């Protein structure tokens, strides 16, 4: 056991800054492997995700049956990207996310901000 937290973990993924971000118990949590502790928790208005992935736009995205949500590293806020959700979540280099719902494969097209010059 690396760390015990007071949440039933439903999904986790590594964030670009080296943190591990997860959901459980209706909350989003951020775990710092370098500090070996949870550094942030917040309510997840979309509920626990069953899968989280890192997308080409640099944000984390989570999915559950009701929603696809974005988890931003700035404040670790969660906002809805699509509804209803589904299962699994696969980022594509094109900037889209693919997920399954029943016998369907669906796509969410992400808006990637142009790089500053």
PDB file of N, CA and C in Angstrom:
ATOM      1  N   UNK A   1       0.849  -1.174   0.000  1.00  0.00           N
ATOM      2  CA  UNK A   1       0.000   0.000   0.000  1.00  0.00           C
ATOM      3  C   UNK A   1       0.896   1.240   0.000  1.00  0.00           C
ATOM      4  N   UNK A   2       0.697   2.101  -0.967  1.00  0.00           N
ATOM      5  CA  UNK A   2       1.470   3.339  -1.063  1.00  0.00           C
ATOM      6  C   UNK A   2       0.807   4.439  -0.238  1.00  0.00           C
ATOM      7  N   UNK A   3      -0.515   4.516  -0.307  1.00  0.00           N
ATOM      8  CA  UNK A   3      -1.254   5.560   0.393  1.00  0.00           C
ATOM      9  C   UNK A   3      -2.688   5.094   0.597  1.00  0.00           C
ATOM     10  N   UNK A   4      -3.236   5.381   1.750  1.00  0.00           N
ATOM     11  CA  UNK A   4      -4.644   5.092   2.010  1.00  0.00           C
ATOM     12  C   UNK A   4      -5.385   6.413   2.048  1.00  0.00           C
ATOM     13  N   UNK A   5      -6.474   6.514   1.256  1.00  0.00           N
ATOM     14  CA  UNK A   5      -7.287   7.732   1.249  1.00  0.00           C
ATOM     15  C   UNK A   5      -8.721   7.365   1.605  1.00  0.00           C
ATOM     16  N   UNK A   6      -9.481   8.354   2.022  1.00  0.00           N
ATOM     17  CA  UNK A   6     -10.852   8.126   2.463  1.00  0.00           C
ATOM     18  C   UNK A   6     -11.852   8.178   1.311  1.00  0.00           C
ATOM     19  N   UNK A   7     -11.478   7.656   0.146  1.00  0.00           N
ATOM     20  CA  UNK A   7     -12.360   7.611  -1.014  1.00  0.00           C
ATOM     21  C   UNK A   7     -12.225   6.248  -1.675  1.00  0.00           C
ATOM     22  N   UNK A   8     -13.303   5.739  -2.238  1.00  0.00           N
ATOM     23  CA  UNK A   8     -13.218   4.544  -3.066  1.00  0.00           C
ATOM     24  C   UNK A   8     -12.815   4.997  -4.464  1.00  0.00           C
ATOM     25  N   UNK A   9     -11.597   4.712  -4.859  1.00  0.00           N
ATOM     26  CA  UNK A   9     -11.056   5.188  -6.130  1.00  0.00           C
ATOM     27  C   UNK A   9     -11.767   4.499  -7.296  1.00  0.00           C
ATOM     28  N   UNK A  10     -12.270   5.307  -8.243  1.00  0.00           N
ATOM     29  CA  UNK A  10     -12.964   4.763  -9.413  1.00  0.00           C
ATOM     30  C   UNK A  10     -12.145   4.886 -10.690  1.00  0.00           C
ATOM     31  N   UNK A  11     -11.214   5.857 -10.748  1.00  0.00           N
ATOM     32  CA  UNK A  11     -10.376   6.049 -11.938  1.00  0.00           C
ATOM     33  C   UNK A  11      -9.193   6.933 -11.562  1.00  0.00           C
ATOM     34  N   UNK A  12      -8.063   6.740 -12.277  1.00  0.00           N
ATOM     35  CA  UNK A  12      -6.878   7.574 -12.053  1.00  0.00           C
ATOM     36  C   UNK A  12      -6.106   7.703 -13.362  1.00  0.00           C
ATOM     37  N   UNK A  13      -5.357   8.815 -13.476  1.00  0.00           N
ATOM     38  CA  UNK A  13      -4.494   9.043 -14.637  1.00  0.00           C
ATOM     39  C   UNK A  13      -3.397  10.028 -14.252  1.00  0.00           C
ATOM     40  N   UNK A  14      -2.256   9.895 -14.887  1.00  0.00           N
ATOM     41  CA  UNK A  14      -1.151  10.823 -14.649  1.00  0.00           C
ATOM     42  C   UNK A  14      -1.414  12.141 -15.375  1.00  0.00           C
ATOM     43  N   UNK A  15      -1.188  13.237 -14.687  1.00  0.00           N
ATOM     44  CA  UNK A  15      -1.343  14.575 -15.262  1.00  0.00           C
ATOM     45  C   UNK A  15       0.005  15.047 -15.812  1.00  0.00           C
ATOM     46  N   UNK A  16      -0.001  16.036 -16.706  1.00  0.00           N
ATOM     47  CA  UNK A  16       1.253  16.514 -17.298  1.00  0.00           C
ATOM     48  C   UNK A  16       2.295  16.987 -16.283  1.00  0.00           C
ATOM     49  N   UNK A  17       1.887  17.505 -15.138  1.00  0.00           N
ATOM     50  CA  UNK A  17       2.822  18.006 -14.136  1.00  0.00           C
ATOM     51  C   UNK A  17       3.401  16.942 -13.227  1.00  0.00           C
ATOM     52  N   UNK A  18       3.034  15.676 -13.448  1.00  0.00           N
ATOM     53  CA  UNK A  18       3.559  14.592 -12.627  1.00  0.00           C
ATOM     54  C   UNK A  18       2.622  14.144 -11.519  1.00  0.00           C
ATOM     55  N   UNK A  19       1.529  14.866 -11.313  1.00  0.00           N
ATOM     56  CA  UNK A  19       0.551  14.458 -10.318  1.00  0.00           C
ATOM     57  C   UNK A  19      -0.262  13.288 -10.855  1.00  0.00           C
ATOM     58  N   UNK A  20      -0.934  12.595  -9.961  1.00  0.00           N
ATOM     59  CA  UNK A  20      -1.897  11.568 -10.337  1.00  0.00           C
ATOM     60  C   UNK A  20      -3.261  12.101  -9.931  1.00  0.00           C
ATOM     61  N   UNK A  21      -4.166  12.168 -10.896  1.00  0.00           N
ATOM     62  CA  UNK A  21      -5.500  12.705 -10.656  1.00  0.00           C
ATOM     63  C   UNK A  21      -6.490  11.553 -10.704  1.00  0.00           C
ATOM     64  N   UNK A  22      -7.417  11.541  -9.761  1.00  0.00           N
ATOM     65  CA  UNK A  22      -8.399  10.473  -9.718  1.00  0.00           C
ATOM     66  C   UNK A  22      -9.749  10.960  -9.258  1.00  0.00           C
ATOM     67  N   UNK A  23     -10.715  10.060  -9.313  1.00  0.00           N
ATOM     68  CA  UNK A  23     -12.047  10.336  -8.790  1.00  0.00           C
ATOM     69  C   UNK A  23     -12.471   9.194  -7.886  1.00  0.00           C
ATOM     70  N   UNK A  24     -13.370   9.519  -6.985  1.00  0.00           N
ATOM     71  CA  UNK A  24     -13.931   8.536  -6.072  1.00  0.00           C
ATOM     72  C   UNK A  24     -14.765   9.229  -5.021  1.00  0.00           C
ATOM     73  N   UNK A  25     -15.814   8.597  -4.596  1.00  0.00           N
ATOM     74  CA  UNK A  25     -16.663   9.167  -3.556  1.00  0.00           C
ATOM     75  C   UNK A  25     -17.270  10.506  -3.940  1.00  0.00           C
ATOM     76  N   UNK A  26     -17.501  10.711  -5.247  1.00  0.00           N
ATOM     77  CA  UNK A  26     -18.077  11.977  -5.705  1.00  0.00           C
ATOM     78  C   UNK A  26     -17.094  13.131  -5.708  1.00  0.00           C
ATOM     79  N   UNK A  27     -15.800  12.825  -5.634  1.00  0.00           N
ATOM     80  CA  UNK A  27     -14.776  13.868  -5.554  1.00  0.00           C
ATOM     81  C   UNK A  27     -13.671  13.633  -6.575  1.00  0.00           C
ATOM     82  N   UNK A  28     -12.963  14.691  -6.883  1.00  0.00           N
ATOM     83  CA  UNK A  28     -11.715  14.639  -7.654  1.00  0.00           C
ATOM     84  C   UNK A  28     -10.598  14.788  -6.641  1.00  0.00           C
ATOM     85  N   UNK A  29      -9.537  13.994  -6.798  1.00  0.00           N
ATOM     86  CA  UNK A  29      -8.393  14.156  -5.909  1.00  0.00           C
ATOM     87  C   UNK A  29      -7.114  14.227  -6.730  1.00  0.00           C
ATOM     88  N   UNK A  30      -6.118  14.895  -6.161  1.00  0.00           N
ATOM     89  CA  UNK A  30      -4.802  15.016  -6.795  1.00  0.00           C
ATOM     90  C   UNK A  30      -3.787  14.448  -5.812  1.00  0.00           C
ATOM     91  N   UNK A  31      -3.040  13.459  -6.278  1.00  0.00           N
ATOM     92  CA  UNK A  31      -2.018  12.803  -5.475  1.00  0.00           C
ATOM     93  C   UNK A  31      -0.646  13.204  -6.010  1.00  0.00           C
ATOM     94  N   UNK A  32       0.230  13.622  -5.121  1.00  0.00           N
ATOM     95  CA  UNK A  32       1.598  13.978  -5.487  1.00  0.00           C
ATOM     96  C   UNK A  32       2.520  12.810  -5.153  1.00  0.00           C
ATOM     97  N   UNK A  33       3.033  12.096  -6.172  1.00  0.00           N
ATOM     98  CA  UNK A  33       3.963  10.994  -5.894  1.00  0.00           C
ATOM     99  C   UNK A  33       5.254  11.469  -5.211  1.00  0.00           C
ATOM    100  N   UNK A  34       5.688  12.675  -5.512  1.00  0.00           N
ATOM    101  CA  UNK A  34       6.925  13.170  -4.891  1.00  0.00           C
ATOM    102  C   UNK A  34       6.741  13.464  -3.401  1.00  0.00           C
ATOM    103  N   UNK A  35       5.529  13.886  -3.001  1.00  0.00           N
ATOM    104  CA  UNK A  35       5.237  14.177  -1.600  1.00  0.00           C
ATOM    105  C   UNK A  35       4.539  13.018  -0.901  1.00  0.00           C
ATOM    106  N   UNK A  36       4.084  12.034  -1.691  1.00  0.00           N
ATOM    107  CA  UNK A  36       3.352  10.880  -1.174  1.00  0.00           C
ATOM    108  C   UNK A  36       2.135  11.289  -0.357  1.00  0.00           C
ATOM    109  N   UNK A  37       1.382  12.269  -0.894  1.00  0.00           N
ATOM    110  CA  UNK A  37       0.155  12.679  -0.208  1.00  0.00           C
ATOM    111  C   UNK A  37      -0.829  13.272  -1.207  1.00  0.00           C
ATOM    112  N   UNK A  38      -2.093  13.314  -0.802  1.00  0.00           N
ATOM    113  CA  UNK A  38      -3.131  13.980  -1.583  1.00  0.00           C
ATOM    114  C   UNK A  38      -2.998  15.471  -1.325  1.00  0.00           C
ATOM    115  N   UNK A  39      -2.846  16.240  -2.402  1.00  0.00           N
ATOM    116  CA  UNK A  39      -2.634  17.683  -2.276  1.00  0.00           C
ATOM    117  C   UNK A  39      -3.878  18.506  -2.559  1.00  0.00           C
ATOM    118  N   UNK A  40      -4.921  17.877  -3.106  1.00  0.00           N
ATOM    119  CA  UNK A  40      -6.138  18.623  -3.432  1.00  0.00           C
ATOM    120  C   UNK A  40      -7.305  17.648  -3.550  1.00  0.00           C
ATOM    121  N   UNK A  41      -8.455  18.054  -3.041  1.00  0.00           N
ATOM    122  CA  UNK A  41      -9.710  17.345  -3.287  1.00  0.00           C
ATOM    123  C   UNK A  41     -10.792  18.375  -3.535  1.00  0.00           C
ATOM    124  N   UNK A  42     -11.768  18.004  -4.343  1.00  0.00           N
ATOM    125  CA  UNK A  42     -12.899  18.891  -4.636  1.00  0.00           C
ATOM    126  C   UNK A  42     -14.080  18.036  -5.069  1.00  0.00           C
ATOM    127  N   UNK A  43     -15.276  18.569  -4.907  1.00  0.00           N
ATOM    128  CA  UNK A  43     -16.468  17.872  -5.383  1.00  0.00           C
ATOM    129  C   UNK A  43     -16.389  17.709  -6.894  1.00  0.00           C
ATOM    130  N   UNK A  44     -16.859  16.571  -7.379  1.00  0.00           N
ATOM    131  CA  UNK A  44     -16.964  16.349  -8.815  1.00  0.00           C
ATOM    132  C   UNK A  44     -18.442  16.461  -9.177  1.00  0.00           C
ATOM    133  N   UNK A  45     -18.846  17.572  -9.800  1.00  0.00           N
ATOM    134  CA  UNK A  45     -20.267  17.767 -10.103  1.00  0.00           C
ATOM    135  C   UNK A  45     -20.825  16.750 -11.089  1.00  0.00           C
ATOM    136  N   UNK A  46     -19.965  16.028 -11.789  1.00  0.00           N
ATOM    137  CA  UNK A  46     -20.420  15.038 -12.773  1.00  0.00           C
ATOM    138  C   UNK A  46     -20.421  13.621 -12.226  1.00  0.00           C
ATOM    139  N   UNK A  47     -20.003  13.450 -10.981  1.00  0.00           N
ATOM    140  CA  UNK A  47     -19.959  12.117 -10.382  1.00  0.00           C
ATOM    141  C   UNK A  47     -18.652  11.412 -10.682  1.00  0.00           C
ATOM    142  N   UNK A  48     -18.483  10.235 -10.116  1.00  0.00           N
ATOM    143  CA  UNK A  48     -17.241   9.489 -10.307  1.00  0.00           C
ATOM    144  C   UNK A  48     -17.083   9.053 -11.756  1.00  0.00           C
ATOM    145  N   UNK A  49     -15.865   9.175 -12.270  1.00  0.00           N
ATOM    146  CA  UNK A  49     -15.561   8.700 -13.613  1.00  0.00           C
ATOM    147  C   UNK A  49     -15.118   7.247 -13.543  1.00  0.00           C
ATOM    148  N   UNK A  50     -15.413   6.502 -14.591  1.00  0.00           N
ATOM    149  CA  UNK A  50     -14.957   5.114 -14.685  1.00  0.00           C
ATOM    150  C   UNK A  50     -13.638   5.024 -15.449  1.00  0.00           C
ATOM    151  N   UNK A  51     -13.284   6.083 -16.158  1.00  0.00           N
ATOM    152  CA  UNK A  51     -12.038   6.125 -16.926  1.00  0.00           C
ATOM    153  C   UNK A  51     -11.612   7.579 -17.064  1.00  0.00           C
ATOM    154  N   UNK A  52     -10.302   7.820 -16.999  1.00  0.00           N
ATOM    155  CA  UNK A  52      -9.727   9.153 -17.208  1.00  0.00           C
ATOM    156  C   UNK A  52      -8.577   9.003 -18.191  1.00  0.00           C
ATOM    157  N   UNK A  53      -8.433   9.976 -19.111  1.00  0.00           N
ATOM    158  CA  UNK A  53      -7.308   9.948 -20.043  1.00  0.00           C
ATOM    159  C   UNK A  53      -6.748  11.356 -20.220  1.00  0.00           C
ATOM    160  N   UNK A  54      -5.505  11.417 -20.665  1.00  0.00           N
ATOM    161  CA  UNK A  54      -4.850  12.677 -21.000  1.00  0.00           C
ATOM    162  C   UNK A  54      -5.024  12.895 -22.497  1.00  0.00           C
ATOM    163  N   UNK A  55      -5.577  14.046 -22.878  1.00  0.00           N
ATOM    164  CA  UNK A  55      -5.849  14.345 -24.281  1.00  0.00           C
ATOM    165  C   UNK A  55      -4.762  15.251 -24.879  1.00  0.00           C
ATOM    166  N   UNK A  56      -4.713  15.334 -26.207  1.00  0.00           N
ATOM    167  CA  UNK A  56      -3.705  16.164 -26.868  1.00  0.00           C
ATOM    168  C   UNK A  56      -3.751  17.646 -26.486  1.00  0.00           C
ATOM    169  N   UNK A  57      -4.884  18.129 -25.982  1.00  0.00           N
ATOM    170  CA  UNK A  57      -4.955  19.539 -25.574  1.00  0.00           C
ATOM    171  C   UNK A  57      -4.331  19.780 -24.200  1.00  0.00           C
ATOM    172  N   UNK A  58      -3.816  18.724 -23.555  1.00  0.00           N
ATOM    173  CA  UNK A  58      -3.146  18.863 -22.264  1.00  0.00           C
ATOM    174  C   UNK A  58      -4.053  18.733 -21.064  1.00  0.00           C
ATOM    175  N   UNK A  59      -5.347  18.594 -21.281  1.00  0.00           N
ATOM    176  CA  UNK A  59      -6.300  18.407 -20.188  1.00  0.00           C
ATOM    177  C   UNK A  59      -6.583  16.932 -19.978  1.00  0.00           C
ATOM    178  N   UNK A  60      -7.043  16.620 -18.788  1.00  0.00           N
ATOM    179  CA  UNK A  60      -7.535  15.288 -18.492  1.00  0.00           C
ATOM    180  C   UNK A  60      -9.032  15.266 -18.756  1.00  0.00           C
ATOM    181  N   UNK A  61      -9.528  14.127 -19.237  1.00  0.00           N
ATOM    182  CA  UNK A  61     -10.950  13.955 -19.483  1.00  0.00           C
ATOM    183  C   UNK A  61     -11.399  12.679 -18.811  1.00  0.00           C
ATOM    184  N   UNK A  62     -12.594  12.725 -18.234  1.00  0.00           N
ATOM    185  CA  UNK A  62     -13.158  11.564 -17.572  1.00  0.00           C
ATOM    186  C   UNK A  62     -14.505  11.226 -18.159  1.00  0.00           C
ATOM    187  N   UNK A  63     -14.923   9.988 -17.962  1.00  0.00           N
ATOM    188  CA  UNK A  63     -16.205   9.539 -18.499  1.00  0.00           C
ATOM    189  C   UNK A  63     -16.927   8.660 -17.482  1.00  0.00           C
ATOM    190  N   UNK A  64     -18.232   8.768 -17.504  1.00  0.00           N
ATOM    191  CA  UNK A  64     -19.116   7.835 -16.803  1.00  0.00           C
ATOM    192  C   UNK A  64     -20.364   7.696 -17.664  1.00  0.00           C
ATOM    193  N   UNK A  65     -21.350   6.969 -17.209  1.00  0.00           N
ATOM    194  CA  UNK A  65     -22.545   6.751 -18.012  1.00  0.00           C
ATOM    195  C   UNK A  65     -23.306   8.010 -18.367  1.00  0.00           C
ATOM    196  N   UNK A  66     -23.192   9.036 -17.544  1.00  0.00           N
ATOM    197  CA  UNK A  66     -23.962  10.254 -17.773  1.00  0.00           C
ATOM    198  C   UNK A  66     -23.223  11.382 -18.460  1.00  0.00           C
ATOM    199  N   UNK A  67     -21.891  11.377 -18.397  1.00  0.00           N
ATOM    200  CA  UNK A  67     -21.147  12.553 -18.846  1.00  0.00           C
ATOM    201  C   UNK A  67     -19.747  12.219 -19.355  1.00  0.00           C
ATOM    202  N   UNK A  68     -19.240  13.111 -20.209  1.00  0.00           N
ATOM    203  CA  UNK A  68     -17.813  13.220 -20.491  1.00  0.00           C
ATOM    204  C   UNK A  68     -17.418  14.569 -19.905  1.00  0.00           C
ATOM    205  N   UNK A  69     -16.399  14.589 -19.062  1.00  0.00           N
ATOM    206  CA  UNK A  69     -16.011  15.829 -18.401  1.00  0.00           C
ATOM    207  C   UNK A  69     -14.538  16.145 -18.569  1.00  0.00           C
ATOM    208  N   UNK A  70     -14.215  17.426 -18.534  1.00  0.00           N
ATOM    209  CA  UNK A  70     -12.831  17.894 -18.602  1.00  0.00           C
ATOM    210  C   UNK A  70     -12.371  18.247 -17.195  1.00  0.00           C
ATOM    211  N   UNK A  71     -11.162  17.816 -16.841  1.00  0.00           N
ATOM    212  CA  UNK A  71     -10.539  18.176 -15.568  1.00  0.00           C
ATOM    213  C   UNK A  71      -9.357  19.071 -15.905  1.00  0.00           C
ATOM    214  N   UNK A  72      -9.448  20.346 -15.566  1.00  0.00           N
ATOM    215  CA  UNK A  72      -8.369  21.271 -15.894  1.00  0.00           C
ATOM    216  C   UNK A  72      -7.365  21.323 -14.754  1.00  0.00           C
ATOM    217  N   UNK A  73      -6.091  21.419 -15.093  1.00  0.00           N
ATOM    218  CA  UNK A  73      -5.053  21.462 -14.061  1.00  0.00           C
ATOM    219  C   UNK A  73      -5.049  22.802 -13.331  1.00  0.00           C
ATOM    220  N   UNK A  74      -5.661  23.802 -13.916  1.00  0.00           N
ATOM    221  CA  UNK A  74      -5.778  25.110 -13.266  1.00  0.00           C
ATOM    222  C   UNK A  74      -6.963  25.063 -12.302  1.00  0.00           C
ATOM    223  N   UNK A  75      -6.682  24.787 -11.038  1.00  0.00           N
ATOM    224  CA  UNK A  75      -7.735  24.699 -10.030  1.00  0.00           C
ATOM    225  C   UNK A  75      -8.407  23.340  -9.956  1.00  0.00           C
ATOM    226  N   UNK A  76      -8.035  22.422 -10.854  1.00  0.00           N
ATOM    227  CA  UNK A  76      -8.603  21.077 -10.880  1.00  0.00           C
ATOM    228  C   UNK A  76     -10.122  21.113 -10.933  1.00  0.00           C
ATOM    229  N   UNK A  77     -10.649  21.988 -11.773  1.00  0.00           N
ATOM    230  CA  UNK A  77     -12.095  22.092 -11.964  1.00  0.00           C
ATOM    231  C   UNK A  77     -12.583  21.036 -12.957  1.00  0.00           C
ATOM    232  N   UNK A  78     -13.837  20.631 -12.801  1.00  0.00           N
ATOM    233  CA  UNK A  78     -14.464  19.672 -13.704  1.00  0.00           C
ATOM    234  C   UNK A  78     -15.633  20.363 -14.388  1.00  0.00           C
ATOM    235  N   UNK A  79     -15.676  20.282 -15.726  1.00  0.00           N
ATOM    236  CA  UNK A  79     -16.833  20.807 -16.450  1.00  0.00           C
ATOM    237  C   UNK A  79     -17.277  19.790 -17.493  1.00  0.00           C
ATOM    238  N   UNK A  80     -18.538  19.865 -17.865  1.00  0.00           N
ATOM    239  CA  UNK A  80     -19.111  18.896 -18.795  1.00  0.00           C
ATOM    240  C   UNK A  80     -18.727  19.236 -20.231  1.00  0.00           C
ATOM    241  N   UNK A  81     -18.354  18.200 -20.973  1.00  0.00           N
ATOM    242  CA  UNK A  81     -18.011  18.337 -22.384  1.00  0.00           C
ATOM    243  C   UNK A  81     -19.106  17.716 -23.253  1.00  0.00           C
ATOM    244  N   UNK A  82     -19.686  16.609 -22.795  1.00  0.00           N
ATOM    245  CA  UNK A  82     -20.743  15.933 -23.549  1.00  0.00           C
ATOM    246  C   UNK A  82     -21.638  15.167 -22.587  1.00  0.00           C
ATOM    247  N   UNK A  83     -22.879  14.969 -23.032  1.00  0.00           N
ATOM    248  CA  UNK A  83     -23.843  14.221 -22.251  1.00  0.00           C
ATOM    249  C   UNK A  83     -24.816  13.558 -23.225  1.00  0.00           C
ATOM    250  N   UNK A  84     -25.201  12.332 -23.061  1.00  0.00           N
ATOM    251  CA  UNK A  84     -24.735  11.415 -22.037  1.00  0.00           C
ATOM    252  C   UNK A  84     -23.335  10.916 -22.351  1.00  0.00           C
ATOM    253  N   UNK A  85     -22.757  10.221 -21.392  1.00  0.00           N
ATOM    254  CA  UNK A  85     -21.407   9.683 -21.551  1.00  0.00           C
ATOM    255  C   UNK A  85     -21.438   8.275 -22.099  1.00  0.00           C
ATOM    256  N   UNK A  86     -20.646   7.409 -21.509  1.00  0.00           N
ATOM    257  CA  UNK A  86     -20.574   6.036 -21.972  1.00  0.00           C
ATOM    258  C   UNK A  86     -19.500   5.296 -21.219  1.00  0.00           C
ATOM    259  N   UNK A  87     -18.728   4.500 -21.975  1.00  0.00           N
ATOM    260  CA  UNK A  87     -17.637   3.721 -21.391  1.00  0.00           C
ATOM    261  C   UNK A  87     -16.363   3.952 -22.192  1.00  0.00           C
ATOM    262  N   UNK A  88     -15.254   3.786 -21.517  1.00  0.00           N
ATOM    263  CA  UNK A  88     -13.931   3.913 -22.124  1.00  0.00           C
ATOM    264  C   UNK A  88     -13.740   5.323 -22.675  1.00  0.00           C
ATOM    265  N   UNK A  89     -12.526   5.717 -22.880  1.00  0.00           N
ATOM    266  CA  UNK A  89     -12.241   7.055 -23.397  1.00  0.00           C
ATOM    267  C   UNK A  89     -10.855   6.996 -24.012  1.00  0.00           C
ATOM    268  N   UNK A  90     -10.776   7.235 -25.315  1.00  0.00           N
ATOM    269  CA  UNK A  90      -9.525   7.089 -26.042  1.00  0.00           C
ATOM    270  C   UNK A  90      -9.193   8.397 -26.739  1.00  0.00           C
ATOM    271  N   UNK A  91      -8.047   9.011 -26.406  1.00  0.00           N
ATOM    272  CA  UNK A  91      -7.646  10.241 -27.087  1.00  0.00           C
ATOM    273  C   UNK A  91      -6.997   9.909 -28.431  1.00  0.00           C
ATOM    274  N   UNK A  92      -7.265  10.724 -29.426  1.00  0.00           N
ATOM    275  CA  UNK A  92      -6.641  10.563 -30.739  1.00  0.00           C
ATOM    276  C   UNK A  92      -5.758  11.780 -31.017  1.00  0.00           C
ATOM    277  N   UNK A  93      -4.652  11.597 -31.747  1.00  0.00           N
ATOM    278  CA  UNK A  93      -3.765  12.723 -32.058  1.00  0.00           C
ATOM    279  C   UNK A  93      -4.476  13.864 -32.786  1.00  0.00           C
ATOM    280  N   UNK A  94      -5.585  13.558 -33.445  1.00  0.00           N
ATOM    281  CA  UNK A  94      -6.339  14.585 -34.169  1.00  0.00           C
ATOM    282  C   UNK A  94      -7.005  15.593 -33.236  1.00  0.00           C
ATOM    283  N   UNK A  95      -7.024  15.286 -31.932  1.00  0.00           N
ATOM    284  CA  UNK A  95      -7.674  16.172 -30.977  1.00  0.00           C
ATOM    285  C   UNK A  95      -9.069  15.720 -30.603  1.00  0.00           C
ATOM    286  N   UNK A  96      -9.466  14.548 -31.028  1.00  0.00           N
ATOM    287  CA  UNK A  96     -10.779  14.007 -30.684  1.00  0.00           C
ATOM    288  C   UNK A  96     -10.650  12.982 -29.566  1.00  0.00           C
ATOM    289  N   UNK A  97     -11.753  12.759 -28.882  1.00  0.00           N
ATOM    290  CA  UNK A  97     -11.875  11.676 -27.913  1.00  0.00           C
ATOM    291  C   UNK A  97     -12.919  10.704 -28.442  1.00  0.00           C
ATOM    292  N   UNK A  98     -12.623   9.429 -28.381  1.00  0.00           N
ATOM    293  CA  UNK A  98     -13.572   8.400 -28.789  1.00  0.00           C
ATOM    294  C   UNK A  98     -14.013   7.632 -27.550  1.00  0.00           C
ATOM    295  N   UNK A  99     -15.299   7.254 -27.539  1.00  0.00           N
ATOM    296  CA  UNK A  99     -15.817   6.475 -26.420  1.00  0.00           C
ATOM    297  C   UNK A  99     -16.938   5.585 -26.909  1.00  0.00           C
ATOM    298  N   UNK A 100     -17.293   4.605 -26.094  1.00  0.00           N
ATOM    299  CA  UNK A 100     -18.336   3.678 -26.468  1.00  0.00           C
ATOM    300  C   UNK A 100     -19.590   3.876 -25.647  1.00  0.00           C
ATOM    301  N   UNK A 101     -20.716   3.624 -26.296  1.00  0.00           N
ATOM    302  CA  UNK A 101     -22.016   3.605 -25.611  1.00  0.00           C
ATOM    303  C   UNK A 101     -22.844   2.525 -26.295  1.00  0.00           C
ATOM    304  N   UNK A 102     -23.055   1.423 -25.588  1.00  0.00           N
ATOM    305  CA  UNK A 102     -23.775   0.304 -26.192  1.00  0.00           C
ATOM    306  C   UNK A 102     -23.005  -0.219 -27.399  1.00  0.00           C
ATOM    307  N   UNK A 103     -23.669  -0.285 -28.545  1.00  0.00           N
ATOM    308  CA  UNK A 103     -23.026  -0.779 -29.766  1.00  0.00           C
ATOM    309  C   UNK A 103     -22.467   0.354 -30.625  1.00  0.00           C
ATOM    310  N   UNK A 104     -22.369   1.559 -30.055  1.00  0.00           N
ATOM    311  CA  UNK A 104     -21.913   2.724 -30.811  1.00  0.00           C
ATOM    312  C   UNK A 104     -20.538   3.206 -30.354  1.00  0.00           C
ATOM    313  N   UNK A 105     -19.756   3.666 -31.312  1.00  0.00           N
ATOM    314  CA  UNK A 105     -18.523   4.387 -31.033  1.00  0.00           C
ATOM    315  C   UNK A 105     -18.810   5.852 -31.344  1.00  0.00           C
ATOM    316  N   UNK A 106     -18.563   6.711 -30.371  1.00  0.00           N
ATOM    317  CA  UNK A 106     -18.864   8.130 -30.525  1.00  0.00           C
ATOM    318  C   UNK A 106     -17.592   8.954 -30.433  1.00  0.00           C
ATOM    319  N   UNK A 107     -17.678  10.209 -30.903  1.00  0.00           N
ATOM    320  CA  UNK A 107     -16.520  11.096 -30.899  1.00  0.00           C
ATOM    321  C   UNK A 107     -16.901  12.452 -30.327  1.00  0.00           C
ATOM    322  N   UNK A 108     -15.987  13.001 -29.545  1.00  0.00           N
ATOM    323  CA  UNK A 108     -16.078  14.390 -29.091  1.00  0.00           C
ATOM    324  C   UNK A 108     -14.883  15.099 -29.701  1.00  0.00           C
ATOM    325  N   UNK A 109     -15.128  16.165 -30.435  1.00  0.00           N
ATOM    326  CA  UNK A 109     -14.036  16.953 -31.012  1.00  0.00           C
ATOM    327  C   UNK A 109     -13.650  18.031 -30.025  1.00  0.00           C
ATOM    328  N   UNK A 110     -12.377  18.044 -29.674  1.00  0.00           N
ATOM    329  CA  UNK A 110     -11.875  19.024 -28.713  1.00  0.00           C
ATOM    330  C   UNK A 110     -11.360  20.238 -29.456  1.00  0.00           C
ATOM    331  N   UNK A 111     -11.486  21.393 -28.841  1.00  0.00           N
ATOM    332  CA  UNK A 111     -10.927  22.611 -29.386  1.00  0.00           C
ATOM    333  C   UNK A 111      -9.556  22.805 -28.766  1.00  0.00           C
ATOM    334  N   UNK A 112      -8.531  22.781 -29.599  1.00  0.00           N
ATOM    335  CA  UNK A 112      -7.165  22.974 -29.118  1.00  0.00           C
ATOM    336  C   UNK A 112      -6.752  24.396 -29.440  1.00  0.00           C
ATOM    337  N   UNK A 113      -6.411  25.176 -28.404  1.00  0.00           N
ATOM    338  CA  UNK A 113      -6.021  26.570 -28.601  1.00  0.00           C
ATOM    339  C   UNK A 113      -4.725  26.632 -29.403  1.00  0.00           C
ATOM    340  N   UNK A 114      -4.623  27.565 -30.368  1.00  0.00           N
ATOM    341  CA  UNK A 114      -3.381  27.696 -31.124  1.00  0.00           C
ATOM    342  C   UNK A 114      -2.250  28.139 -30.204  1.00  0.00           C
ATOM    343  N   UNK A 115      -1.034  27.697 -30.526  1.00  0.00           N
ATOM    344  CA  UNK A 115       0.130  28.069 -29.718  1.00  0.00           C
ATOM    345  C   UNK A 115       0.411  29.550 -29.854  1.00  0.00           C
ATOM    346  N   UNK A 116       0.831  30.156 -28.752  1.00  0.00           N
ATOM    347  CA  UNK A 116       1.183  31.576 -28.760  1.00  0.00           C
ATOM    348  C   UNK A 116       2.509  31.757 -29.506  1.00  0.00           C
ATOM    349  N   UNK A 117       2.597  32.869 -30.222  1.00  0.00           N
ATOM    350  CA  UNK A 117       3.834  33.143 -30.955  1.00  0.00           C
ATOM    351  C   UNK A 117       4.661  34.156 -30.228  1.00  0.00           C
TER     352      UNK A 117
END
